[in-house]
Protein backbone atom coordinates (compact mmCIF):
# COMPACT_ATOMS: atom_id res chain seq x y z
CA MET A 1 26.98 -29.08 64.55
CA ILE A 2 28.57 -25.68 63.91
CA ASN A 3 26.53 -23.24 61.84
CA PRO A 4 27.87 -23.42 58.24
CA GLN A 5 27.44 -19.66 57.78
CA TRP A 6 29.67 -19.02 60.79
CA LEU A 7 32.29 -21.32 59.30
CA ARG A 8 32.15 -19.55 55.96
CA THR A 9 32.49 -16.18 57.67
CA PHE A 10 35.49 -17.33 59.68
CA ALA A 11 37.25 -18.88 56.66
CA THR A 12 36.73 -15.71 54.65
CA LEU A 13 37.95 -13.54 57.54
CA ALA A 14 41.10 -15.66 57.83
CA GLU A 15 41.69 -15.18 54.10
CA GLN A 16 40.94 -11.45 53.99
CA GLY A 17 42.52 -10.52 57.31
CA ASN A 18 40.06 -7.68 57.71
CA PHE A 19 36.46 -7.40 58.97
CA THR A 20 35.49 -4.75 56.40
CA ARG A 21 36.72 -6.73 53.37
CA THR A 22 35.12 -9.88 54.75
CA ALA A 23 31.76 -8.15 55.09
CA GLU A 24 32.03 -6.86 51.52
CA ARG A 25 32.98 -10.28 50.14
CA LEU A 26 30.07 -12.03 51.87
CA ASP A 27 27.57 -9.19 51.44
CA LEU A 28 27.15 -8.91 55.22
CA THR A 29 27.43 -6.08 57.70
CA GLN A 30 30.57 -5.82 59.85
CA ALA A 31 28.33 -6.35 62.86
CA ALA A 32 27.16 -9.67 61.43
CA VAL A 33 30.76 -10.78 60.81
CA SER A 34 31.69 -9.88 64.39
CA GLN A 35 28.64 -11.71 65.71
CA HIS A 36 29.53 -14.89 63.82
CA VAL A 37 33.06 -14.83 65.22
CA GLN A 38 31.70 -14.16 68.72
CA LYS A 39 29.38 -17.18 68.46
CA LEU A 40 32.28 -19.37 67.41
CA GLU A 41 34.52 -18.11 70.21
CA GLU A 42 31.79 -18.68 72.79
CA ARG A 43 31.82 -22.31 71.74
CA LEU A 44 35.49 -22.92 70.87
CA GLY A 45 37.49 -20.32 72.80
CA GLN A 46 39.62 -17.48 71.46
CA LEU A 47 40.19 -17.84 67.73
CA LEU A 48 41.69 -14.48 66.80
CA ILE A 49 44.16 -11.97 68.17
CA ARG A 50 43.04 -8.56 66.96
CA ARG A 51 46.01 -6.28 66.24
CA PRO A 52 45.85 -2.70 64.88
CA ARG A 53 46.78 -3.66 61.32
CA ALA A 54 46.24 -7.41 61.16
CA LEU A 55 44.49 -10.43 62.59
CA GLU A 56 46.41 -13.40 63.94
CA LEU A 57 44.92 -16.85 64.34
CA THR A 58 45.36 -18.64 67.66
CA PRO A 59 46.08 -22.41 67.65
CA ALA A 60 42.34 -22.94 68.02
CA GLY A 61 41.78 -20.62 65.08
CA HIS A 62 44.17 -22.63 62.89
CA ALA A 63 42.42 -25.84 63.89
CA LEU A 64 39.03 -24.34 63.00
CA LEU A 65 40.37 -23.13 59.64
CA GLU A 66 41.49 -26.68 58.81
CA TYR A 67 38.04 -27.91 59.82
CA CYS A 68 36.44 -25.34 57.48
CA ALA A 69 38.51 -26.71 54.59
CA GLU A 70 37.50 -30.28 55.46
CA VAL A 71 33.82 -29.33 55.58
CA GLY A 72 34.07 -27.55 52.21
CA ALA A 73 35.80 -30.53 50.61
CA ALA A 74 33.23 -32.94 52.05
CA ASP A 75 30.38 -30.80 50.74
CA GLN A 76 31.91 -30.68 47.27
CA ARG A 77 32.47 -34.44 47.20
CA LEU A 78 28.86 -35.04 48.26
CA GLN A 79 27.53 -32.79 45.51
CA LEU A 80 29.68 -34.52 42.92
CA ARG A 81 28.62 -37.99 44.05
CA LEU A 82 24.98 -36.98 43.87
CA SER A 83 25.25 -35.41 40.43
CA GLU A 84 28.29 -36.94 38.72
CA ALA A 85 26.11 -38.77 36.18
CA GLU A 86 24.21 -35.59 35.25
CA SER A 87 25.92 -34.02 32.25
CA ASP A 88 22.91 -31.98 31.14
CA HIS A 89 21.44 -30.85 34.48
CA GLY A 90 22.76 -28.72 37.31
CA GLU A 91 25.26 -25.90 37.66
CA ILE A 92 28.38 -25.28 35.60
CA SER A 93 30.65 -22.81 37.39
CA LEU A 94 33.63 -21.21 35.64
CA ILE A 95 35.80 -18.26 36.64
CA SER A 96 38.24 -16.69 34.19
CA PRO A 97 40.10 -13.54 33.16
CA GLY A 98 38.14 -11.11 31.02
CA SER A 99 39.50 -11.77 27.54
CA ILE A 100 39.00 -15.54 27.43
CA GLY A 101 35.75 -15.04 29.34
CA LEU A 102 34.38 -12.85 26.55
CA ALA A 103 35.22 -15.58 24.05
CA ILE A 104 33.90 -18.51 26.07
CA TYR A 105 30.67 -17.08 27.46
CA PRO A 106 28.65 -17.20 24.20
CA HIS A 107 29.57 -20.87 23.82
CA LEU A 108 28.46 -21.55 27.38
CA LEU A 109 25.11 -19.98 26.56
CA GLU A 110 24.80 -22.12 23.45
CA LEU A 111 25.42 -25.18 25.61
CA GLN A 112 22.73 -24.04 28.03
CA GLN A 113 20.29 -23.46 25.17
CA ALA A 114 20.90 -26.99 23.95
CA HIS A 115 20.46 -28.36 27.48
CA PRO A 116 17.98 -26.14 29.40
CA GLY A 117 18.59 -28.12 32.58
CA LEU A 118 22.05 -26.57 32.87
CA ASN A 119 22.68 -23.44 34.93
CA ILE A 120 25.70 -21.43 33.78
CA ARG A 121 27.54 -19.41 36.46
CA HIS A 122 30.52 -17.48 35.10
CA ARG A 123 32.62 -14.75 36.72
CA PHE A 124 35.27 -12.44 35.28
CA ALA A 125 38.22 -12.13 37.68
CA PRO A 126 42.01 -11.61 37.85
CA ASP A 127 44.33 -14.59 38.27
CA SER A 128 44.58 -14.25 42.05
CA GLU A 129 40.80 -14.47 42.50
CA VAL A 130 40.54 -17.36 40.02
CA LEU A 131 43.05 -19.31 42.09
CA SER A 132 41.42 -18.65 45.46
CA SER A 133 37.90 -19.28 44.13
CA VAL A 134 38.79 -22.74 42.82
CA LEU A 135 40.78 -23.65 45.93
CA GLU A 136 37.88 -22.59 48.16
CA ASN A 137 35.35 -24.53 46.04
CA ARG A 138 33.39 -21.46 44.99
CA PHE A 139 33.92 -22.43 41.34
CA GLU A 140 34.59 -25.87 39.92
CA LEU A 141 36.59 -24.70 36.88
CA GLY A 142 39.03 -21.83 36.47
CA LEU A 143 41.19 -20.37 33.72
CA THR A 144 44.34 -18.46 34.57
CA THR A 145 47.23 -16.85 32.68
CA LEU A 146 49.76 -17.90 35.32
CA ARG A 147 50.47 -21.60 35.86
CA PRO A 148 49.88 -22.38 39.56
CA ASP A 149 52.02 -24.97 41.35
CA ASP A 150 49.65 -25.72 44.23
CA PRO A 151 49.46 -29.52 44.73
CA ARG A 152 45.74 -29.21 45.50
CA LEU A 153 45.10 -28.26 41.87
CA LYS A 154 45.12 -30.20 38.64
CA VAL A 155 46.53 -27.96 35.91
CA SER A 156 46.36 -28.49 32.16
CA ARG A 157 47.06 -26.34 29.11
CA PHE A 158 43.82 -24.89 27.71
CA CYS A 159 44.94 -22.70 24.82
CA GLU A 160 47.35 -19.98 23.73
CA GLU A 161 46.48 -16.30 23.34
CA PRO A 162 48.72 -13.67 21.69
CA LEU A 163 48.83 -10.06 22.79
CA GLU A 164 47.86 -7.61 20.05
CA LEU A 165 48.62 -3.98 19.33
CA VAL A 166 45.28 -2.55 18.18
CA ALA A 167 44.87 0.86 16.55
CA PRO A 168 42.07 2.77 14.80
CA SER A 169 41.39 1.35 11.34
CA ALA A 170 42.49 4.51 9.53
CA ALA A 171 45.67 5.11 11.54
CA ALA A 172 49.11 4.61 10.04
CA VAL A 173 51.33 2.92 12.63
CA ASN A 174 54.86 2.30 11.40
CA SER A 175 57.00 3.84 14.13
CA TRP A 176 57.18 4.79 17.79
CA GLN A 177 56.40 8.36 16.79
CA ASP A 178 53.07 7.17 15.38
CA LEU A 179 52.22 5.69 18.80
CA GLU A 180 53.20 8.95 20.49
CA ARG A 181 50.84 10.80 18.16
CA LEU A 182 47.95 8.41 18.84
CA GLY A 183 48.34 8.00 22.60
CA PHE A 184 47.56 4.97 24.77
CA ILE A 185 44.16 3.68 25.93
CA ASP A 186 44.97 2.08 29.27
CA HIS A 187 43.20 -0.68 31.26
CA PRO A 188 44.00 -2.64 34.44
CA ASP A 189 46.61 -4.84 32.70
CA GLY A 190 47.43 -2.30 30.02
CA GLN A 191 50.81 -1.07 31.21
CA ALA A 192 52.15 -4.59 31.77
CA MET A 193 50.81 -5.97 28.47
CA ALA A 194 52.01 -2.97 26.46
CA SER A 195 55.48 -3.11 28.03
CA ARG A 196 55.87 -6.76 27.08
CA LEU A 197 54.69 -6.37 23.48
CA LEU A 198 56.06 -2.93 22.58
CA SER A 199 59.54 -3.73 23.86
CA ARG A 200 59.66 -6.42 21.17
CA THR A 201 57.82 -4.55 18.43
CA PHE A 202 59.83 -1.35 18.90
CA PRO A 203 63.16 -2.37 20.51
CA GLY A 204 65.11 0.55 21.87
CA ALA A 205 62.03 2.80 22.20
CA PRO A 206 61.56 4.79 25.45
CA GLY A 207 58.78 2.54 26.82
CA ILE A 208 55.06 2.69 27.47
CA ARG A 209 55.34 5.08 30.43
CA ASN A 210 56.70 7.74 28.09
CA LEU A 211 53.64 7.65 25.86
CA PRO A 212 50.68 9.97 26.48
CA THR A 213 47.59 8.29 27.95
CA ARG A 214 44.36 9.20 26.19
CA GLY A 215 41.92 7.18 28.26
CA TYR A 216 41.31 4.34 30.71
CA THR A 217 38.56 1.81 31.40
CA ASN A 218 38.39 -1.27 33.60
CA GLN A 219 35.70 -2.89 31.42
CA ILE A 220 37.46 -5.13 28.94
CA SER A 221 34.47 -5.17 26.60
CA LEU A 222 34.69 -1.36 26.26
CA ILE A 223 38.44 -0.86 25.71
CA LEU A 224 38.24 -1.04 21.93
CA GLU A 225 35.36 1.44 21.79
CA SER A 226 37.84 4.26 22.42
CA VAL A 227 40.22 2.84 19.84
CA ALA A 228 37.45 2.51 17.26
CA ARG A 229 36.61 6.19 17.78
CA GLY A 230 40.19 7.15 16.93
CA LEU A 231 41.12 8.23 20.45
CA GLY A 232 44.24 6.10 20.74
CA PHE A 233 45.74 2.61 20.53
CA THR A 234 45.87 -0.18 23.08
CA VAL A 235 47.38 -3.61 23.75
CA ILE A 236 44.94 -6.40 24.63
CA PRO A 237 44.71 -10.20 24.37
CA ARG A 238 43.45 -11.53 21.04
CA PHE A 239 40.18 -12.98 22.35
CA ALA A 240 39.12 -9.56 23.64
CA ARG A 241 39.71 -8.10 20.18
CA ILE A 242 37.81 -10.92 18.48
CA ALA A 243 34.85 -10.38 20.80
CA PHE A 244 34.59 -6.71 19.78
CA GLY A 245 31.55 -6.36 17.54
CA GLN A 246 32.96 -3.67 15.22
CA SER A 247 36.14 -5.25 13.89
CA GLU A 248 36.12 -3.10 10.74
CA ARG A 249 36.77 0.01 12.88
CA VAL A 250 40.07 -1.26 14.31
CA GLN A 251 43.23 -2.89 12.96
CA VAL A 252 45.88 -5.17 14.42
CA ILE A 253 49.44 -3.94 13.93
CA GLN A 254 51.45 -7.05 13.12
CA SER A 255 54.80 -7.73 14.74
CA GLU A 256 57.45 -10.26 13.79
CA ARG A 257 58.29 -10.78 17.48
CA GLY A 258 55.02 -11.26 19.27
CA VAL A 259 54.07 -12.25 22.81
CA ILE A 260 51.98 -15.38 23.29
CA ASP A 261 50.51 -16.32 26.67
CA THR A 262 49.31 -19.75 27.72
CA LEU A 263 45.96 -20.10 29.45
CA TRP A 264 45.74 -22.86 32.05
CA LEU A 265 42.66 -24.81 33.06
CA ILE A 266 42.53 -25.56 36.79
CA HIS A 267 40.29 -27.54 39.11
CA ARG A 268 40.70 -29.30 42.43
CA ALA A 269 42.81 -32.44 42.17
CA GLU A 270 41.35 -34.32 45.14
CA TRP A 271 38.14 -35.38 43.41
CA PRO A 272 36.91 -36.01 39.86
CA LEU A 273 35.25 -33.38 37.74
CA SER A 274 31.49 -33.46 37.45
CA ALA A 275 30.07 -34.82 34.21
CA ARG A 276 28.84 -31.30 33.42
CA ALA A 277 32.33 -29.83 33.72
CA LYS A 278 33.76 -32.57 31.54
CA ARG A 279 31.17 -31.76 28.89
CA VAL A 280 32.14 -28.08 28.93
CA ILE A 281 35.82 -28.91 28.44
CA GLU A 282 35.17 -31.49 25.72
CA GLN A 283 32.91 -29.20 23.71
CA ILE A 284 34.55 -25.81 24.20
CA GLN A 285 38.30 -26.40 24.37
CA PRO A 286 38.59 -27.63 20.74
CA LEU A 287 37.21 -24.26 19.61
CA PHE A 288 40.31 -22.51 20.96
CA VAL A 289 43.06 -24.86 19.81
């Protein structure tokens, strides 16, 4: 039997295409990644062609990658068969974007408090990582803002989430000039979100790139701290604003032509959800309808 750690290393290397990124993803040294590949090649023959800027799988490498997927699927099916009747024991794994994650996580903790046998594992991640994590069986459930069309996934509508223009509570925001005076608090999705909403709220205005930037943070839970202190405005999803603990210090600038995103629940389609995952969906989704 092939060492499962070697298989995981090879599958991750095929995905990342780079020894350094693979080592970082798996929390290994590059030497360990190279050693795992060497052990596999000693047994199976050449698996990779190492080029200056990329790695290319040989036919044997492609065959091994398919085998890795089969092993992962078999492992997941075994775990589900062994625990499918357990709705109040075992691990619940969910990966989601930051805004909906902030809203869901307290409810997951409440579920765990009610059922101490549950183990909640949640990760904040962009859509691309949500998709790959569910496909590679690292998480059973995922939420994404983009509807995937991969046949390996079952996709269902989870909820809707508007984008909101949020300003300091004392600020008067009636025109584009008011936004220019305040300045923009940016974040990883800030430019894209602001472009979508402001183009509707202020049609004909120069655009977000013409506004002064007053700050930036990649921590979604901290974005509104700058706004609350009067340092600027931002555009964020509604659930991130609701999760902010000082709502009286900020205000939502209403728009007649808003932007509403759909959040999609995804999981692997080849096998049924665990009883634990079903419980999460049944108890939490109605809170966001």
